[in-house]
Amino acid sequence: TESDENGQAENFSMDPQLERQVETIRNLVDSYMSIINKCIRDLIPKTIMHLMINNVKDFINSELLAQLYSSEDQNTLME
């Protein structure tokens, strides 16, 4: 099996133009993946904050305001 692997390795390294093309494609894919990784790292905290703020906003609109308006002594609340 070692002779087969050596023969295959020699076949792949025989064409320098193909090697350059493969290296170019590999570099492009690596660059693309680093851009995607950066975008995902940037979007995740923003998404989490967006969801948290929307949940808090909905809670304030539905629960807290209803409790404030249902209390009888609004003057004390305003103080």
Protein backbone atom coordinates (compact mmCIF):
# COMPACT_ATOMS: atom_id res chain seq x y z
CA THR A 1 0.00 0.00 0.00
CA GLU A 2 2.93 2.33 0.60
CA SER A 3 4.04 2.03 -3.02
CA ASP A 4 0.47 2.89 -4.16
CA GLU A 5 0.39 5.94 -1.90
CA ASN A 6 3.83 7.07 -3.09
CA GLY A 7 2.77 6.58 -6.72
CA GLN A 8 -0.41 8.61 -6.14
CA ALA A 9 1.53 11.36 -4.37
CA GLU A 10 3.97 11.55 -7.29
CA ASN A 11 1.07 11.74 -9.79
CA PHE A 12 -0.48 14.67 -7.93
CA SER A 13 2.78 16.57 -7.63
CA MET A 14 3.68 16.18 -11.30
CA ASP A 15 1.47 19.01 -12.57
CA PRO A 16 2.56 22.36 -11.03
CA GLN A 17 -0.29 24.26 -12.68
CA LEU A 18 -2.83 21.96 -11.04
CA GLU A 19 -1.08 22.38 -7.71
CA ARG A 20 -1.27 26.18 -8.04
CA GLN A 21 -4.97 25.97 -8.91
CA VAL A 22 -5.66 23.73 -5.94
CA GLU A 23 -3.70 26.06 -3.66
CA THR A 24 -5.57 29.08 -5.02
CA ILE A 25 -8.94 27.41 -4.46
CA ARG A 26 -7.87 26.34 -0.97
CA ASN A 27 -6.85 29.93 -0.14
CA LEU A 28 -10.14 31.28 -1.49
CA VAL A 29 -12.15 28.79 0.56
CA ASP A 30 -10.12 29.63 3.68
CA SER A 31 -10.73 33.35 3.10
CA TYR A 32 -14.44 32.76 2.56
CA MET A 33 -14.72 30.68 5.72
CA SER A 34 -12.90 33.32 7.78
CA ILE A 35 -15.33 35.97 6.50
CA ILE A 36 -18.31 33.77 7.36
CA ASN A 37 -16.84 33.04 10.79
CA LYS A 38 -16.37 36.77 11.45
CA CYS A 39 -19.93 37.56 10.34
CA ILE A 40 -21.41 34.86 12.55
CA ARG A 41 -19.35 36.01 15.55
CA ASP A 42 -20.61 39.53 14.93
CA LEU A 43 -24.28 38.57 14.49
CA ILE A 44 -24.76 36.21 17.44
CA PRO A 45 -24.43 38.82 20.24
CA LYS A 46 -26.61 41.22 18.25
CA THR A 47 -29.27 38.56 17.80
CA ILE A 48 -29.22 37.64 21.48
CA MET A 49 -29.58 41.27 22.53
CA HIS A 50 -32.37 41.81 20.02
CA LEU A 51 -34.31 38.83 21.38
CA MET A 52 -33.73 39.86 25.00
CA ILE A 53 -34.83 43.45 24.40
CA ASN A 54 -37.92 42.39 22.47
CA ASN A 55 -38.92 39.98 25.25
CA VAL A 56 -38.44 42.67 27.91
CA LYS A 57 -40.38 45.19 25.81
CA ASP A 58 -43.27 42.75 25.39
CA PHE A 59 -43.25 42.00 29.12
CA ILE A 60 -43.33 45.70 29.96
CA ASN A 61 -46.16 46.36 27.52
CA SER A 62 -48.30 43.46 28.62
CA GLU A 63 -47.67 42.89 32.32
CA LEU A 64 -46.13 45.91 33.99
CA LEU A 65 -48.31 48.55 32.38
CA ALA A 66 -51.43 46.54 33.18
CA GLN A 67 -50.37 46.30 36.83
CA LEU A 68 -49.56 50.02 37.00
CA TYR A 69 -52.87 51.05 35.48
CA SER A 70 -54.83 48.66 37.68
CA SER A 71 -53.48 50.15 40.90
CA GLU A 72 -55.89 52.56 42.55
CA ASP A 73 -53.47 55.14 43.87
CA GLN A 74 -51.75 56.52 40.78
CA ASN A 75 -50.70 59.72 42.54
CA THR A 76 -48.49 57.74 44.92
CA LEU A 77 -46.94 55.94 41.95
CA MET A 78 -46.18 59.25 40.28
CA GLU A 79 -44.35 60.51 43.36
